[in-house]
Amino acid sequence: MSDQKTEGKPVIPSEIPIHFVKGAGFRVAHANGVWFGSDPQGNLHLTFYSERTPIPKTMVLKLSDQGQIIGEDETKREGKQGIVREMEIDIVMSPDAASAFYEMFGQNIKTAINNLHAAS
């Protein structure tokens, strides 16, 4: 930005570049949903998660007389039952930031839906 002044007032530029730089911890996370809440300071927490069936802890494979794998004895499989929700990342936002995100995200959803309908 310029430090130029006009009649004692700084000149405000008509545009400003924004540089997007990925932080060292940047990653892409798939999300099936989001768990949310707040903290004592009034910030909002959005914890994005992915869902999957459990990965077995152990399994027993059946072998032929020649030592070839011929299947699994599923009655001996050990592991969790149900669905696993793997918490991927917790995003913390102030109420003001969350409100701005809500407005912007809502507009992006409308645009995406309109584009989908226009393409079909």
N, C-alpha and C. Protein backbone atom coordinates (compact mmCIF):
# COMPACT_ATOMS: atom_id res chain seq x y z
N MET A 1 0.83 -1.17 0.00
CA MET A 1 0.00 0.00 0.00
C MET A 1 0.88 1.24 0.00
N SER A 2 0.34 2.31 -0.48
CA SER A 2 1.09 3.56 -0.59
C SER A 2 0.93 4.39 0.67
N ASP A 3 1.99 5.13 0.99
CA ASP A 3 1.93 6.05 2.12
C ASP A 3 1.60 7.46 1.63
N GLN A 4 1.16 7.58 0.36
CA GLN A 4 0.84 8.88 -0.19
C GLN A 4 -0.33 9.49 0.56
N LYS A 5 -0.33 10.83 0.62
CA LYS A 5 -1.42 11.53 1.29
C LYS A 5 -1.98 12.59 0.35
N THR A 6 -3.26 12.75 0.41
CA THR A 6 -3.92 13.81 -0.34
C THR A 6 -4.60 14.72 0.67
N GLU A 7 -4.19 15.97 0.67
CA GLU A 7 -4.73 16.96 1.61
C GLU A 7 -4.68 16.45 3.05
N GLY A 8 -3.57 15.82 3.43
CA GLY A 8 -3.39 15.35 4.79
C GLY A 8 -4.03 14.02 5.10
N LYS A 9 -4.76 13.44 4.14
CA LYS A 9 -5.42 12.16 4.37
C LYS A 9 -4.72 11.08 3.55
N PRO A 10 -4.60 9.87 4.11
CA PRO A 10 -3.97 8.79 3.33
C PRO A 10 -4.86 8.39 2.15
N VAL A 11 -4.21 8.00 1.06
CA VAL A 11 -4.93 7.53 -0.12
C VAL A 11 -5.29 6.07 0.10
N ILE A 12 -6.56 5.76 -0.02
CA ILE A 12 -7.00 4.38 0.16
C ILE A 12 -7.05 3.72 -1.22
N PRO A 13 -6.33 2.62 -1.38
CA PRO A 13 -6.30 1.98 -2.70
C PRO A 13 -7.68 1.42 -3.06
N SER A 14 -7.92 1.26 -4.35
CA SER A 14 -9.20 0.74 -4.82
C SER A 14 -9.25 -0.79 -4.77
N GLU A 15 -8.10 -1.40 -4.57
CA GLU A 15 -8.05 -2.87 -4.45
C GLU A 15 -6.83 -3.27 -3.64
N ILE A 16 -6.87 -4.51 -3.12
CA ILE A 16 -5.74 -5.02 -2.33
C ILE A 16 -5.61 -6.51 -2.62
N PRO A 17 -4.42 -6.98 -2.94
CA PRO A 17 -4.26 -8.42 -3.20
C PRO A 17 -4.30 -9.23 -1.90
N ILE A 18 -4.87 -10.42 -1.98
CA ILE A 18 -4.89 -11.37 -0.87
C ILE A 18 -4.10 -12.59 -1.32
N HIS A 19 -3.10 -12.98 -0.54
CA HIS A 19 -2.27 -14.12 -0.89
C HIS A 19 -2.69 -15.33 -0.05
N PHE A 20 -2.99 -16.43 -0.70
CA PHE A 20 -3.37 -17.65 -0.01
C PHE A 20 -2.12 -18.51 0.18
N VAL A 21 -1.75 -18.74 1.43
CA VAL A 21 -0.58 -19.54 1.75
C VAL A 21 -1.03 -20.68 2.65
N LYS A 22 -0.68 -21.91 2.30
CA LYS A 22 -1.05 -23.06 3.11
C LYS A 22 -0.11 -23.18 4.30
N GLY A 23 -0.67 -23.27 5.49
CA GLY A 23 0.12 -23.46 6.70
C GLY A 23 0.72 -24.86 6.72
N ALA A 24 1.69 -25.06 7.60
CA ALA A 24 2.38 -26.35 7.70
C ALA A 24 1.43 -27.49 8.03
N GLY A 25 0.35 -27.21 8.75
CA GLY A 25 -0.59 -28.26 9.13
C GLY A 25 -1.75 -28.41 8.17
N PHE A 26 -1.71 -27.72 7.02
CA PHE A 26 -2.82 -27.79 6.07
C PHE A 26 -3.01 -29.20 5.56
N ARG A 27 -4.28 -29.63 5.48
CA ARG A 27 -4.60 -30.94 4.90
C ARG A 27 -6.03 -30.90 4.41
N VAL A 28 -6.36 -31.85 3.59
CA VAL A 28 -7.72 -32.02 3.11
C VAL A 28 -8.34 -33.15 3.91
N ALA A 29 -9.53 -32.93 4.43
CA ALA A 29 -10.22 -33.96 5.21
C ALA A 29 -11.61 -34.16 4.62
N HIS A 30 -11.97 -35.41 4.38
CA HIS A 30 -13.33 -35.75 3.94
C HIS A 30 -14.25 -35.68 5.14
N ALA A 31 -15.45 -35.15 4.96
CA ALA A 31 -16.40 -35.06 6.08
C ALA A 31 -17.76 -35.60 5.66
N ASN A 32 -18.29 -36.51 6.49
CA ASN A 32 -19.67 -36.98 6.33
C ASN A 32 -20.63 -36.12 7.14
N GLY A 33 -20.10 -35.38 8.08
CA GLY A 33 -20.94 -34.56 8.94
C GLY A 33 -20.10 -33.71 9.86
N VAL A 34 -20.81 -32.99 10.74
CA VAL A 34 -20.12 -32.10 11.67
C VAL A 34 -20.84 -32.12 13.03
N TRP A 35 -20.06 -32.18 14.08
CA TRP A 35 -20.55 -32.10 15.46
C TRP A 35 -20.19 -30.69 15.91
N PHE A 36 -21.10 -30.01 16.58
CA PHE A 36 -20.77 -28.65 16.96
C PHE A 36 -21.22 -28.32 18.36
N GLY A 37 -20.58 -27.32 18.92
CA GLY A 37 -20.88 -26.84 20.26
C GLY A 37 -20.13 -25.54 20.50
N SER A 38 -20.07 -25.13 21.75
CA SER A 38 -19.38 -23.89 22.07
C SER A 38 -18.48 -24.11 23.28
N ASP A 39 -17.67 -23.10 23.56
CA ASP A 39 -16.79 -23.17 24.72
C ASP A 39 -17.13 -22.02 25.69
N PRO A 40 -16.53 -22.01 26.87
CA PRO A 40 -16.87 -20.96 27.85
C PRO A 40 -16.58 -19.53 27.37
N GLN A 41 -15.71 -19.38 26.37
CA GLN A 41 -15.40 -18.05 25.85
C GLN A 41 -16.40 -17.60 24.78
N GLY A 42 -17.36 -18.47 24.44
CA GLY A 42 -18.37 -18.11 23.45
C GLY A 42 -17.99 -18.45 22.02
N ASN A 43 -16.85 -19.09 21.82
CA ASN A 43 -16.45 -19.51 20.48
C ASN A 43 -17.26 -20.73 20.06
N LEU A 44 -17.44 -20.90 18.78
CA LEU A 44 -18.13 -22.07 18.25
C LEU A 44 -17.11 -23.09 17.77
N HIS A 45 -17.35 -24.34 18.09
CA HIS A 45 -16.48 -25.44 17.65
C HIS A 45 -17.24 -26.27 16.63
N LEU A 46 -16.65 -26.45 15.46
CA LEU A 46 -17.20 -27.31 14.43
C LEU A 46 -16.22 -28.47 14.26
N THR A 47 -16.63 -29.65 14.70
CA THR A 47 -15.76 -30.82 14.62
C THR A 47 -16.25 -31.70 13.48
N PHE A 48 -15.49 -31.71 12.40
CA PHE A 48 -15.86 -32.47 11.21
C PHE A 48 -15.42 -33.92 11.38
N TYR A 49 -16.30 -34.83 10.97
CA TYR A 49 -15.98 -36.25 11.11
C TYR A 49 -16.28 -37.01 9.83
N SER A 50 -15.63 -38.16 9.70
CA SER A 50 -15.94 -39.11 8.63
C SER A 50 -16.46 -40.38 9.28
N GLU A 51 -17.39 -41.02 8.62
CA GLU A 51 -17.97 -42.25 9.15
C GLU A 51 -17.54 -43.44 8.31
N ARG A 52 -17.42 -44.57 8.97
CA ARG A 52 -17.04 -45.81 8.29
C ARG A 52 -17.45 -46.99 9.15
N THR A 53 -17.44 -48.15 8.54
CA THR A 53 -17.63 -49.36 9.33
C THR A 53 -16.31 -49.65 10.06
N PRO A 54 -16.37 -50.34 11.19
CA PRO A 54 -15.14 -50.60 11.95
C PRO A 54 -14.17 -51.49 11.19
N ILE A 55 -12.91 -51.24 11.40
CA ILE A 55 -11.85 -52.10 10.87
C ILE A 55 -11.64 -53.20 11.92
N PRO A 56 -11.62 -54.46 11.51
CA PRO A 56 -11.46 -55.53 12.51
C PRO A 56 -10.16 -55.39 13.29
N LYS A 57 -10.23 -55.78 14.57
CA LYS A 57 -9.02 -55.83 15.40
C LYS A 57 -8.23 -57.08 15.02
N THR A 58 -8.94 -58.20 14.89
CA THR A 58 -8.33 -59.45 14.42
C THR A 58 -9.33 -60.21 13.57
N MET A 59 -8.81 -61.05 12.70
CA MET A 59 -9.64 -61.96 11.93
C MET A 59 -8.89 -63.27 11.74
N VAL A 60 -9.64 -64.35 11.53
CA VAL A 60 -9.03 -65.66 11.36
C VAL A 60 -9.34 -66.14 9.95
N LEU A 61 -8.27 -66.48 9.22
CA LEU A 61 -8.44 -66.97 7.86
C LEU A 61 -8.39 -68.50 7.84
N LYS A 62 -9.21 -69.08 6.98
CA LYS A 62 -9.22 -70.54 6.80
C LYS A 62 -8.22 -70.88 5.71
N LEU A 63 -7.49 -71.98 5.93
CA LEU A 63 -6.48 -72.43 4.96
C LEU A 63 -6.84 -73.81 4.44
N SER A 64 -6.48 -74.04 3.18
CA SER A 64 -6.65 -75.37 2.59
C SER A 64 -5.52 -76.28 3.10
N ASP A 65 -5.59 -77.54 2.75
CA ASP A 65 -4.54 -78.49 3.13
C ASP A 65 -3.19 -78.09 2.55
N GLN A 66 -3.22 -77.32 1.48
CA GLN A 66 -1.97 -76.87 0.84
C GLN A 66 -1.51 -75.51 1.39
N GLY A 67 -2.24 -74.95 2.37
CA GLY A 67 -1.83 -73.68 2.97
C GLY A 67 -2.34 -72.46 2.23
N GLN A 68 -3.25 -72.64 1.27
CA GLN A 68 -3.82 -71.51 0.54
C GLN A 68 -5.00 -70.92 1.31
N ILE A 69 -5.14 -69.62 1.28
CA ILE A 69 -6.28 -68.96 1.94
C ILE A 69 -7.54 -69.29 1.16
N ILE A 70 -8.54 -69.80 1.88
CA ILE A 70 -9.80 -70.16 1.21
C ILE A 70 -11.00 -69.38 1.77
N GLY A 71 -10.77 -68.53 2.72
CA GLY A 71 -11.86 -67.74 3.28
C GLY A 71 -11.57 -67.29 4.69
N GLU A 72 -12.60 -66.71 5.32
CA GLU A 72 -12.47 -66.21 6.68
C GLU A 72 -13.50 -66.90 7.56
N ASP A 73 -13.11 -67.17 8.79
CA ASP A 73 -14.06 -67.66 9.79
C ASP A 73 -14.60 -66.42 10.49
N GLU A 74 -15.72 -65.89 9.97
CA GLU A 74 -16.28 -64.63 10.47
C GLU A 74 -16.75 -64.73 11.92
N THR A 75 -17.00 -65.94 12.42
CA THR A 75 -17.43 -66.09 13.82
C THR A 75 -16.30 -65.76 14.78
N LYS A 76 -15.05 -65.75 14.29
CA LYS A 76 -13.89 -65.46 15.15
C LYS A 76 -13.36 -64.03 14.96
N ARG A 77 -14.06 -63.24 14.14
CA ARG A 77 -13.62 -61.86 13.91
C ARG A 77 -13.85 -61.06 15.20
N GLU A 78 -12.84 -60.27 15.58
CA GLU A 78 -12.94 -59.40 16.75
C GLU A 78 -12.84 -57.95 16.31
N GLY A 79 -13.66 -57.12 16.92
CA GLY A 79 -13.63 -55.69 16.60
C GLY A 79 -14.86 -54.99 17.13
N LYS A 80 -14.96 -53.73 16.83
CA LYS A 80 -16.07 -52.92 17.27
C LYS A 80 -17.31 -53.22 16.44
N GLN A 81 -18.47 -52.97 17.03
CA GLN A 81 -19.74 -53.10 16.33
C GLN A 81 -20.25 -51.70 16.02
N GLY A 82 -21.08 -51.60 15.01
CA GLY A 82 -21.72 -50.32 14.70
C GLY A 82 -20.95 -49.50 13.69
N ILE A 83 -20.98 -48.21 13.89
CA ILE A 83 -20.34 -47.25 12.99
C ILE A 83 -19.27 -46.49 13.76
N VAL A 84 -18.15 -46.22 13.11
CA VAL A 84 -17.07 -45.43 13.70
C VAL A 84 -17.16 -44.01 13.13
N ARG A 85 -17.20 -43.03 14.01
CA ARG A 85 -17.10 -41.63 13.59
C ARG A 85 -15.72 -41.16 13.97
N GLU A 86 -14.90 -40.98 12.96
CA GLU A 86 -13.53 -40.54 13.18
C GLU A 86 -13.49 -39.02 13.10
N MET A 87 -13.21 -38.39 14.24
CA MET A 87 -13.16 -36.94 14.31
C MET A 87 -11.91 -36.47 13.58
N GLU A 88 -12.10 -35.69 12.51
CA GLU A 88 -11.00 -35.30 11.63
C GLU A 88 -10.32 -34.00 12.05
N ILE A 89 -11.14 -32.97 12.32
CA ILE A 89 -10.56 -31.66 12.61
C ILE A 89 -11.59 -30.81 13.35
N ASP A 90 -11.14 -30.00 14.29
CA ASP A 90 -12.00 -29.10 15.04
C ASP A 90 -11.69 -27.67 14.61
N ILE A 91 -12.68 -26.99 14.07
CA ILE A 91 -12.52 -25.60 13.64
C ILE A 91 -13.17 -24.72 14.70
N VAL A 92 -12.45 -23.75 15.22
CA VAL A 92 -12.96 -22.86 16.25
C VAL A 92 -13.17 -21.48 15.63
N MET A 93 -14.39 -20.94 15.79
CA MET A 93 -14.71 -19.62 15.23
C MET A 93 -15.39 -18.75 16.27
N SER A 94 -15.11 -17.46 16.19
CA SER A 94 -15.86 -16.50 17.00
C SER A 94 -17.28 -16.45 16.43
N PRO A 95 -18.25 -16.00 17.21
CA PRO A 95 -19.62 -15.86 16.67
C PRO A 95 -19.67 -14.97 15.42
N ASP A 96 -18.88 -13.89 15.40
CA ASP A 96 -18.87 -13.02 14.22
C ASP A 96 -18.34 -13.75 12.99
N ALA A 97 -17.24 -14.49 13.16
CA ALA A 97 -16.68 -15.24 12.03
C ALA A 97 -17.65 -16.33 11.58
N ALA A 98 -18.31 -17.00 12.53
CA ALA A 98 -19.27 -18.05 12.19
C ALA A 98 -20.46 -17.47 11.43
N SER A 99 -20.91 -16.30 11.83
CA SER A 99 -22.03 -15.64 11.17
C SER A 99 -21.67 -15.28 9.73
N ALA A 100 -20.47 -14.73 9.54
CA ALA A 100 -20.02 -14.38 8.19
C ALA A 100 -19.88 -15.64 7.35
N PHE A 101 -19.35 -16.72 7.94
CA PHE A 101 -19.22 -17.99 7.23
C PHE A 101 -20.60 -18.51 6.82
N TYR A 102 -21.55 -18.45 7.74
CA TYR A 102 -22.92 -18.91 7.50
C TYR A 102 -23.52 -18.21 6.28
N GLU A 103 -23.40 -16.90 6.22
CA GLU A 103 -23.93 -16.13 5.09
C GLU A 103 -23.24 -16.50 3.78
N MET A 104 -21.91 -16.54 3.82
CA MET A 104 -21.14 -16.84 2.62
C MET A 104 -21.39 -18.26 2.14
N PHE A 105 -21.42 -19.21 3.07
CA PHE A 105 -21.61 -20.61 2.72
C PHE A 105 -23.02 -20.82 2.15
N GLY A 106 -24.01 -20.16 2.74
CA GLY A 106 -25.37 -20.25 2.23
C GLY A 106 -25.46 -19.78 0.78
N GLN A 107 -24.80 -18.67 0.47
CA GLN A 107 -24.80 -18.18 -0.91
C GLN A 107 -24.10 -19.15 -1.85
N ASN A 108 -23.01 -19.75 -1.39
CA ASN A 108 -22.29 -20.73 -2.22
C ASN A 108 -23.13 -21.97 -2.47
N ILE A 109 -23.90 -22.39 -1.47
CA ILE A 109 -24.78 -23.55 -1.65
C ILE A 109 -25.84 -23.24 -2.69
N LYS A 110 -26.45 -22.05 -2.61
CA LYS A 110 -27.47 -21.65 -3.59
C LYS A 110 -26.87 -21.63 -5.00
N THR A 111 -25.68 -21.08 -5.14
CA THR A 111 -25.02 -21.02 -6.44
C THR A 111 -24.74 -22.42 -6.97
N ALA A 112 -24.24 -23.31 -6.10
CA ALA A 112 -23.94 -24.69 -6.52
C ALA A 112 -25.22 -25.41 -6.97
N ILE A 113 -26.30 -25.23 -6.23
CA ILE A 113 -27.57 -25.87 -6.60
C ILE A 113 -28.08 -25.32 -7.92
N ASN A 114 -28.01 -24.00 -8.09
CA ASN A 114 -28.44 -23.39 -9.35
C ASN A 114 -27.61 -23.90 -10.52
N ASN A 115 -26.30 -24.04 -10.32
CA ASN A 115 -25.42 -24.55 -11.38
C ASN A 115 -25.77 -26.01 -11.71
N LEU A 116 -26.09 -26.79 -10.70
CA LEU A 116 -26.48 -28.18 -10.93
C LEU A 116 -27.75 -28.27 -11.75
N HIS A 117 -28.74 -27.45 -11.41
CA HIS A 117 -30.00 -27.46 -12.14
C HIS A 117 -29.83 -26.94 -13.57
N ALA A 118 -28.95 -25.96 -13.75
CA ALA A 118 -28.71 -25.41 -15.08
C ALA A 118 -27.99 -26.43 -15.97
N ALA A 119 -27.16 -27.28 -15.36
CA ALA A 119 -26.40 -28.28 -16.13
C ALA A 119 -27.26 -29.46 -16.54
N SER A 120 -28.36 -29.70 -15.82
CA SER A 120 -29.18 -30.88 -16.15
C SER A 120 -30.33 -30.56 -17.08
